[in-house]
C-alpha atoms as a PDB file:
ATOM      1  CA  MET A   1     123.319  98.825 106.574  1.00  0.00           C
ATOM      2  CA  VAL A   2     123.532 101.888 104.434  1.00  0.00           C
ATOM      3  CA  ALA A   3     120.977 102.201 101.416  1.00  0.00           C
ATOM      4  CA  LEU A   4     121.731 105.063  98.813  1.00  0.00           C
ATOM      5  CA  CYS A   5     118.703 106.493  97.732  1.00  0.00           C
ATOM      6  CA  ARG A   6     118.111 108.590  94.909  1.00  0.00           C
ATOM      7  CA  LEU A   7     114.511 110.318  93.746  1.00  0.00           C
ATOM      8  CA  GLY A   8     113.750 110.737  90.556  1.00  0.00           C
ATOM      9  CA  PHE A   9     110.519 112.051  88.681  1.00  0.00           C
ATOM     10  CA  VAL A  10     109.117 110.258  85.302  1.00  0.00           C
ATOM     11  CA  ASN A  11     106.931 111.930  82.994  1.00  0.00           C
ATOM     12  CA  SER A  12     103.525 110.462  83.057  1.00  0.00           C
ATOM     13  CA  GLN A  13     103.092 110.477  79.259  1.00  0.00           C
ATOM     14  CA  LEU A  14     106.273 108.304  78.989  1.00  0.00           C
ATOM     15  CA  TYR A  15     105.911 106.153  82.176  1.00  0.00           C
ATOM     16  CA  ARG A  16     102.493 104.495  82.782  1.00  0.00           C
ATOM     17  CA  ARG A  17     101.562 101.717  85.102  1.00  0.00           C
ATOM     18  CA  PRO A  18      98.378  99.989  84.662  1.00  0.00           C
ATOM     19  CA  PHE A  19      96.155 100.587  87.725  1.00  0.00           C
ATOM     20  CA  PRO A  20      93.438  98.087  88.511  1.00  0.00           C
ATOM     21  CA  ALA A  21      90.144  99.435  89.951  1.00  0.00           C
ATOM     22  CA  LEU A  22      90.368 101.101  93.109  1.00  0.00           C
ATOM     23  CA  ARG A  23      88.528 101.150  96.422  1.00  0.00           C
ATOM     24  CA  LYS A  24      88.361 104.082  98.932  1.00  0.00           C
ATOM     25  CA  PRO A  25      87.997 103.914 102.827  1.00  0.00           C
ATOM     26  CA  GLY A  26      84.829 104.410 104.232  1.00  0.00           C
ATOM     27  CA  LEU A  27      82.153 103.284 106.782  1.00  0.00           C
ATOM     28  CA  PRO A  28      81.297  99.379 106.892  1.00  0.00           C
ATOM     29  CA  PHE A  29      78.427  98.475 104.432  1.00  0.00           C
ATOM     30  CA  PRO A  30      75.606  99.060 104.444  1.00  0.00           C
ATOM     31  CA  SER A  31      75.860 102.077 106.119  1.00  0.00           C
ATOM     32  CA  CYS A  32      78.105 103.425 103.916  1.00  0.00           C
ATOM     33  CA  PRO A  33      78.153 101.722 100.283  1.00  0.00           C
ATOM     34  CA  SER A  34      80.621 103.892  98.895  1.00  0.00           C
ATOM     35  CA  ASN A  35      83.125 101.663 100.772  1.00  0.00           C
ATOM     36  CA  SER A  36      83.353  99.613  97.778  1.00  0.00           C
ATOM     37  CA  ARG A  37      83.159 102.084  94.893  1.00  0.00           C
ATOM     38  CA  LYS A  38      85.086 101.082  91.901  1.00  0.00           C
ATOM     39  CA  PHE A  39      87.247 103.588  89.677  1.00  0.00           C
ATOM     40  CA  PRO A  40      87.357 101.726  86.265  1.00  0.00           C
ATOM     41  CA  ASP A  41      89.818 104.921  84.967  1.00  0.00           C
ATOM     42  CA  PRO A  42      91.963 106.418  87.628  1.00  0.00           C
ATOM     43  CA  SER A  43      92.916 109.504  85.870  1.00  0.00           C
ATOM     44  CA  HIS A  44      93.585 111.314  89.017  1.00  0.00           C
ATOM     45  CA  LEU A  45      96.534 109.045  89.584  1.00  0.00           C
ATOM     46  CA  ARG A  46      97.325 108.326  86.258  1.00  0.00           C
ATOM     47  CA  ASP A  47      97.966 111.534  85.003  1.00  0.00           C
ATOM     48  CA  LYS A  48     100.356 112.999  87.751  1.00  0.00           C
ATOM     49  CA  PRO A  49     104.264 112.680  87.329  1.00  0.00           C
ATOM     50  CA  LEU A  50     105.036 109.599  89.210  1.00  0.00           C
ATOM     51  CA  LYS A  51     107.787 109.690  92.048  1.00  0.00           C
ATOM     52  CA  ILE A  52     109.953 106.899  91.886  1.00  0.00           C
ATOM     53  CA  VAL A  53     112.378 106.055  94.613  1.00  0.00           C
ATOM     54  CA  THR A  54     115.460 104.105  93.853  1.00  0.00           C
ATOM     55  CA  CYS A  55     117.614 102.419  96.220  1.00  0.00           C
ATOM     56  CA  CYS A  56     120.595 100.381  95.841  1.00  0.00           C
ATOM     57  CA  PHE A  57     121.401  97.795  98.502  1.00  0.00           C
ATOM     58  CA  SER A  58     124.039  94.909  99.185  1.00  0.00           C
ATOM     59  CA  SER A  59     122.954  91.597  98.668  1.00  0.00           C
ATOM     60  CA  SER A  60     122.584  91.168 102.523  1.00  0.00           C
ATOM     61  CA  SER A  61     119.566  94.006 102.502  1.00  0.00           C
ATOM     62  CA  SER A  62     117.064  91.258 102.205  1.00  0.00           C
ATOM     63  CA  SER A  63     117.356  87.806 103.209  1.00  0.00           C
ATOM     64  CA  SER A  64     115.865  84.900 104.731  1.00  0.00           C
ATOM     65  CA  MET A  65     116.460  82.686 108.197  1.00  0.00           C
ATOM     66  CA  GLU A  66     114.947  80.449 110.407  1.00  0.00           C
ATOM     67  CA  ALA A  67     114.670  82.855 113.423  1.00  0.00           C
ATOM     68  CA  PRO A  68     114.512  86.465 113.413  1.00  0.00           C
ATOM     69  CA  PRO A  69     117.665  88.048 113.695  1.00  0.00           C
ATOM     70  CA  GLU A  70     119.164  90.740 116.261  1.00  0.00           C
ATOM     71  CA  GLY A  71     118.282  94.352 115.407  1.00  0.00           C
ATOM     72  CA  TYR A  72     115.325  93.646 113.517  1.00  0.00           C
ATOM     73  CA  ARG A  73     111.407  94.569 114.920  1.00  0.00           C
ATOM     74  CA  ARG A  74     109.276  91.423 114.318  1.00  0.00           C
ATOM     75  CA  ASN A  75     106.615  92.018 112.197  1.00  0.00           C
ATOM     76  CA  VAL A  76     103.978  89.697 110.045  1.00  0.00           C
ATOM     77  CA  GLY A  77     102.990  90.024 106.536  1.00  0.00           C
ATOM     78  CA  ILE A  78      99.491  89.347 105.244  1.00  0.00           C
ATOM     79  CA  CYS A  79      98.986  88.257 101.380  1.00  0.00           C
ATOM     80  CA  LEU A  80      95.231  88.484 101.066  1.00  0.00           C
ATOM     81  CA  ILE A  81      93.648  86.804  98.080  1.00  0.00           C
ATOM     82  CA  ASN A  82      90.164  86.366  96.947  1.00  0.00           C
ATOM     83  CA  ASN A  83      88.182  83.724  94.875  1.00  0.00           C
ATOM     84  CA  SER A  84      89.931  85.170  91.932  1.00  0.00           C
ATOM     85  CA  ASN A  85      93.478  84.537  93.185  1.00  0.00           C
ATOM     86  CA  LYS A  86      94.149  88.072  93.194  1.00  0.00           C
ATOM     87  CA  VAL A  87      96.098  89.864  95.877  1.00  0.00           C
ATOM     88  CA  PHE A  88      94.937  92.562  98.064  1.00  0.00           C
ATOM     89  CA  SER A  89      97.021  95.761  98.163  1.00  0.00           C
ATOM     90  CA  ALA A  90      96.532  99.423  99.640  1.00  0.00           C
ATOM     91  CA  SER A  91      98.143 102.799  99.428  1.00  0.00           C
ATOM     92  CA  ARG A  92      99.209 104.195 102.443  1.00  0.00           C
ATOM     93  CA  LEU A  93      97.905 107.643 103.954  1.00  0.00           C
ATOM     94  CA  ASP A  94     101.253 109.276 104.289  1.00  0.00           C
ATOM     95  CA  ILE A  95     102.785 108.418 100.893  1.00  0.00           C
ATOM     96  CA  PRO A  96     100.024 107.964  98.424  1.00  0.00           C
ATOM     97  CA  SER A  97     102.364 106.352  95.544  1.00  0.00           C
ATOM     98  CA  ALA A  98     103.285 103.596  97.605  1.00  0.00           C
ATOM     99  CA  TRP A  99     101.102 100.483  97.772  1.00  0.00           C
ATOM    100  CA  GLN A 100     101.792  97.726  99.940  1.00  0.00           C
ATOM    101  CA  MET A 101     100.227  94.431 101.470  1.00  0.00           C
ATOM    102  CA  PRO A 102      99.121  94.590 105.038  1.00  0.00           C
ATOM    103  CA  GLN A 103     101.444  94.057 107.929  1.00  0.00           C
ATOM    104  CA  GLY A 104     102.589  94.886 111.530  1.00  0.00           C
ATOM    105  CA  GLY A 105     104.634  94.238 114.608  1.00  0.00           C
ATOM    106  CA  ILE A 106     104.267  91.229 116.555  1.00  0.00           C
ATOM    107  CA  ASP A 107     103.269  91.921 120.300  1.00  0.00           C
ATOM    108  CA  GLU A 108     105.479  90.624 122.973  1.00  0.00           C
ATOM    109  CA  GLY A 109     104.655  86.843 123.390  1.00  0.00           C
ATOM    110  CA  GLU A 110     102.361  86.956 120.879  1.00  0.00           C
ATOM    111  CA  ASP A 111     101.964  83.991 118.328  1.00  0.00           C
ATOM    112  CA  PRO A 112     102.527  84.757 114.722  1.00  0.00           C
ATOM    113  CA  ARG A 113      99.371  83.445 113.039  1.00  0.00           C
ATOM    114  CA  THR A 114      97.306  85.406 115.892  1.00  0.00           C
ATOM    115  CA  ALA A 115      99.351  88.570 114.793  1.00  0.00           C
ATOM    116  CA  ALA A 116      98.589  88.228 111.501  1.00  0.00           C
ATOM    117  CA  ILE A 117      94.859  87.670 111.777  1.00  0.00           C
ATOM    118  CA  ARG A 118      94.832  90.863 114.473  1.00  0.00           C
ATOM    119  CA  GLU A 119      96.745  93.204 112.021  1.00  0.00           C
ATOM    120  CA  LEU A 120      94.332  92.110 109.033  1.00  0.00           C
ATOM    121  CA  ARG A 121      91.165  93.441 111.216  1.00  0.00           C
ATOM    122  CA  GLU A 122      92.991  96.344 112.441  1.00  0.00           C
ATOM    123  CA  GLU A 123      94.100  97.334 109.372  1.00  0.00           C
ATOM    124  CA  THR A 124      91.367  96.444 106.708  1.00  0.00           C
ATOM    125  CA  GLY A 125      88.220  95.821 108.932  1.00  0.00           C
ATOM    126  CA  VAL A 126      88.567  91.707 107.643  1.00  0.00           C
ATOM    127  CA  THR A 127      87.466  89.104 109.904  1.00  0.00           C
ATOM    128  CA  SER A 128      86.656  86.676 107.107  1.00  0.00           C
ATOM    129  CA  ALA A 129      89.890  85.120 106.256  1.00  0.00           C
ATOM    130  CA  GLU A 130      91.418  81.778 106.453  1.00  0.00           C
ATOM    131  CA  ILE A 131      95.028  80.979 106.698  1.00  0.00           C
ATOM    132  CA  VAL A 132      96.170  78.924 103.637  1.00  0.00           C
ATOM    133  CA  ALA A 133      99.863  78.451 103.947  1.00  0.00           C
ATOM    134  CA  GLU A 134     102.930  80.434 105.419  1.00  0.00           C
ATOM    135  CA  VAL A 135     106.845  80.961 104.383  1.00  0.00           C
ATOM    136  CA  PRO A 136     108.559  78.901 106.510  1.00  0.00           C
ATOM    137  CA  TYR A 137     111.116  81.237 107.373  1.00  0.00           C
ATOM    138  CA  TRP A 138     111.822  84.752 108.121  1.00  0.00           C
ATOM    139  CA  LEU A 139     112.123  87.445 105.600  1.00  0.00           C
ATOM    140  CA  THR A 140     113.929  90.705 106.576  1.00  0.00           C
ATOM    141  CA  TYR A 141     114.684  94.049 104.850  1.00  0.00           C
ATOM    142  CA  ASP A 142     116.743  97.299 106.290  1.00  0.00           C
ATOM    143  CA  PHE A 143     114.809 100.756 106.223  1.00  0.00           C
ATOM    144  CA  PRO A 144     116.587 103.270 104.188  1.00  0.00           C
ATOM    145  CA  PRO A 145     118.141 105.720 106.454  1.00  0.00           C
ATOM    146  CA  GLU A 146     115.213 108.355 106.251  1.00  0.00           C
ATOM    147  CA  VAL A 147     112.665 105.766 106.894  1.00  0.00           C
ATOM    148  CA  ARG A 148     114.758 104.401 109.763  1.00  0.00           C
ATOM    149  CA  VAL A 149     115.076 107.623 111.657  1.00  0.00           C
ATOM    150  CA  LYS A 150     111.245 108.373 111.167  1.00  0.00           C
ATOM    151  CA  LEU A 151     110.184 105.409 112.204  1.00  0.00           C
ATOM    152  CA  ASN A 152     112.439 104.575 115.280  1.00  0.00           C
ATOM    153  CA  LYS A 153     111.416 108.282 116.546  1.00  0.00           C
ATOM    154  CA  GLN A 154     108.054 106.849 116.214  1.00  0.00           C
ATOM    155  CA  TRP A 155     108.673 103.478 117.668  1.00  0.00           C
ATOM    156  CA  GLY A 156     111.234 105.020 120.194  1.00  0.00           C
ATOM    157  CA  SER A 157     113.778 102.497 119.224  1.00  0.00           C
ATOM    158  CA  ASP A 158     116.439 102.045 116.895  1.00  0.00           C
ATOM    159  CA  TRP A 159     115.494  98.749 114.783  1.00  0.00           C
ATOM    160  CA  LYS A 160     117.583  98.203 111.759  1.00  0.00           C
ATOM    161  CA  GLY A 161     114.628  96.869 109.748  1.00  0.00           C
ATOM    162  CA  GLN A 162     112.207  94.651 109.988  1.00  0.00           C
ATOM    163  CA  ALA A 163     111.921  90.797 110.204  1.00  0.00           C
ATOM    164  CA  GLN A 164     108.719  89.469 108.880  1.00  0.00           C
ATOM    165  CA  LYS A 165     106.715  86.128 108.784  1.00  0.00           C
ATOM    166  CA  TRP A 166     104.445  85.963 105.888  1.00  0.00           C
ATOM    167  CA  PHE A 167     101.054  84.151 105.800  1.00  0.00           C
ATOM    168  CA  LEU A 168      98.387  83.642 102.591  1.00  0.00           C
ATOM    169  CA  LEU A 169      94.777  84.175 103.796  1.00  0.00           C
ATOM    170  CA  ARG A 170      92.311  83.115 101.679  1.00  0.00           C
ATOM    171  CA  PHE A 171      89.091  86.179 102.112  1.00  0.00           C
ATOM    172  CA  THR A 172      85.738  84.372 102.364  1.00  0.00           C
ATOM    173  CA  GLY A 173      83.751  87.357 102.691  1.00  0.00           C
ATOM    174  CA  LYS A 174      82.417  89.995 100.280  1.00  0.00           C
ATOM    175  CA  ASP A 175      84.219  93.057  99.198  1.00  0.00           C
ATOM    176  CA  GLU A 176      81.510  95.394 101.249  1.00  0.00           C
ATOM    177  CA  GLU A 177      83.414  94.117 104.194  1.00  0.00           C
ATOM    178  CA  ILE A 178      86.838  95.540 103.602  1.00  0.00           C
ATOM    179  CA  ASN A 179      86.835  98.796 105.521  1.00  0.00           C
ATOM    180  CA  LEU A 180      90.221 101.314 105.618  1.00  0.00           C
ATOM    181  CA  LEU A 181      89.432 102.559 108.767  1.00  0.00           C
ATOM    182  CA  GLY A 182      89.993  99.163 110.351  1.00  0.00           C
ATOM    183  CA  ASP A 183      88.197  98.020 113.483  1.00  0.00           C
ATOM    184  CA  GLY A 184      88.486 101.460 115.137  1.00  0.00           C
ATOM    185  CA  THR A 185      91.567 100.141 117.534  1.00  0.00           C
ATOM    186  CA  GLU A 186      94.261 101.904 115.740  1.00  0.00           C
ATOM    187  CA  LYS A 187      94.753 104.955 113.377  1.00  0.00           C
ATOM    188  CA  ALA A 188      93.856 104.135 109.807  1.00  0.00           C
ATOM    189  CA  GLU A 189      96.770 103.949 107.508  1.00  0.00           C
ATOM    190  CA  PHE A 190      95.610 103.291 103.880  1.00  0.00           C
ATOM    191  CA  GLY A 191      93.866 105.243 101.378  1.00  0.00           C
ATOM    192  CA  GLU A 192      92.684 103.371  98.960  1.00  0.00           C
ATOM    193  CA  TRP A 193      92.709  99.839  97.725  1.00  0.00           C
ATOM    194  CA  SER A 194      92.398  97.151  95.137  1.00  0.00           C
ATOM    195  CA  TRP A 195      92.727  93.538  93.910  1.00  0.00           C
ATOM    196  CA  MET A 196      95.722  92.903  91.967  1.00  0.00           C
ATOM    197  CA  THR A 197      98.015  90.594  90.050  1.00  0.00           C
ATOM    198  CA  PRO A 198     101.175  89.492  92.064  1.00  0.00           C
ATOM    199  CA  GLN A 199     103.218  91.486  89.261  1.00  0.00           C
ATOM    200  CA  GLN A 200     101.329  94.893  90.227  1.00  0.00           C
ATOM    201  CA  VAL A 201     101.606  94.354  93.696  1.00  0.00           C
ATOM    202  CA  ILE A 202     105.601  94.183  93.341  1.00  0.00           C
ATOM    203  CA  GLU A 203     105.859  97.225  90.940  1.00  0.00           C
ATOM    204  CA  LEU A 204     103.921  99.462  93.089  1.00  0.00           C
ATOM    205  CA  ALA A 205     105.593  98.948  96.096  1.00  0.00           C
ATOM    206  CA  VAL A 206     108.572 100.744  97.595  1.00  0.00           C
ATOM    207  CA  ASP A 207     111.454  99.289  96.139  1.00  0.00           C
ATOM    208  CA  PHE A 208     113.312  98.507  99.664  1.00  0.00           C
ATOM    209  CA  LYS A 209     110.123  96.017  99.905  1.00  0.00           C
ATOM    210  CA  LYS A 210     110.236  94.515  96.492  1.00  0.00           C
ATOM    211  CA  PRO A 211     112.759  91.572  97.345  1.00  0.00           C
ATOM    212  CA  VAL A 212     110.870  90.706 100.017  1.00  0.00           C
ATOM    213  CA  TYR A 213     107.602  90.922  97.998  1.00  0.00           C
ATOM    214  CA  GLU A 214     109.139  88.698  95.126  1.00  0.00           C
ATOM    215  CA  GLU A 215     110.151  85.673  97.649  1.00  0.00           C
ATOM    216  CA  VAL A 216     106.930  85.841  99.182  1.00  0.00           C
ATOM    217  CA  LEU A 217     104.763  85.567  95.678  1.00  0.00           C
ATOM    218  CA  LYS A 218     107.135  82.946  94.560  1.00  0.00           C
ATOM    219  CA  VAL A 219     106.484  80.862  97.591  1.00  0.00           C
ATOM    220  CA  PHE A 220     102.831  81.377  97.129  1.00  0.00           C
ATOM    221  CA  THR A 221     102.736  80.982  93.399  1.00  0.00           C
ATOM    222  CA  PRO A 222     101.146  77.563  93.737  1.00  0.00           C
ATOM    223  CA  HIS A 223      98.025  78.760  95.662  1.00  0.00           C
ATOM    224  CA  LEU A 224      97.656  81.844  93.418  1.00  0.00           C
ATOM    225  CA  GLN A 225      97.832  80.111  89.689  1.00  0.00           C
ATOM    226  CA  SER A 226      95.245  77.026  91.556  1.00  0.00           C
ATOM    227  CA  ASP A 227      91.528  77.886  90.884  1.00  0.00           C
ATOM    228  CA  SER A 228      91.101  77.652  95.013  1.00  0.00           C
ATOM    229  CA  ALA A 229      93.107  77.409  97.997  1.00  0.00           C
ATOM    230  CA  GLU A 230      92.559  75.006 100.761  1.00  0.00           C
ATOM    231  CA  PRO A 231      92.994  76.418 104.302  1.00  0.00           C
ATOM    232  CA  LYS A 232      96.052  74.942 106.176  1.00  0.00           C
ATOM    233  CA  LEU A 233      94.974  72.492 108.662  1.00  0.00           C
END
């Protein structure tokens, strides 16, 4: 799949997205209370020109299926929500303007549910979470050409994109538990984090992931609108 991309810059005076309070990574509480630091007015982000990536894909660039297709890396996605039904999202260290929900590859022979819990712990340090629901099918997205080259060089593979199994998890701990250094088993991936509305999560995601995010959050809408979500048995 070939994705045609163009880069544009939007003047911050004409285009400003609403940014929620941000948190920066740090050591686990209580050794480093600054882990839960809030920025009610993140002007250091708002006042910079935003770099927008616009990509055009064919209708098959994001699709759903019962089994992961050939040529796509098996992956899990985690939609973590708090008691206010806000969604966890974090900015990437390598691309600070790109925000995303936690995700990661499924190991050989690993159950997707086990992978989701492991990836959440590795990327956010969170262990206080319960699986509430899952998208009952696989969702795929294609890598833009430059992303495909970079990631496949890193992985030593030739994946077209990722096939993802998505899970909704309810966070049952306190914000101080969230640590973007993770559990120490993997290199940190995120720089800042925040609880967001579903619309904010979609708006701040890179364009090639937006169709998947829209589908995931649509499937989970009943849980996001309710006062509470019961763990899935």
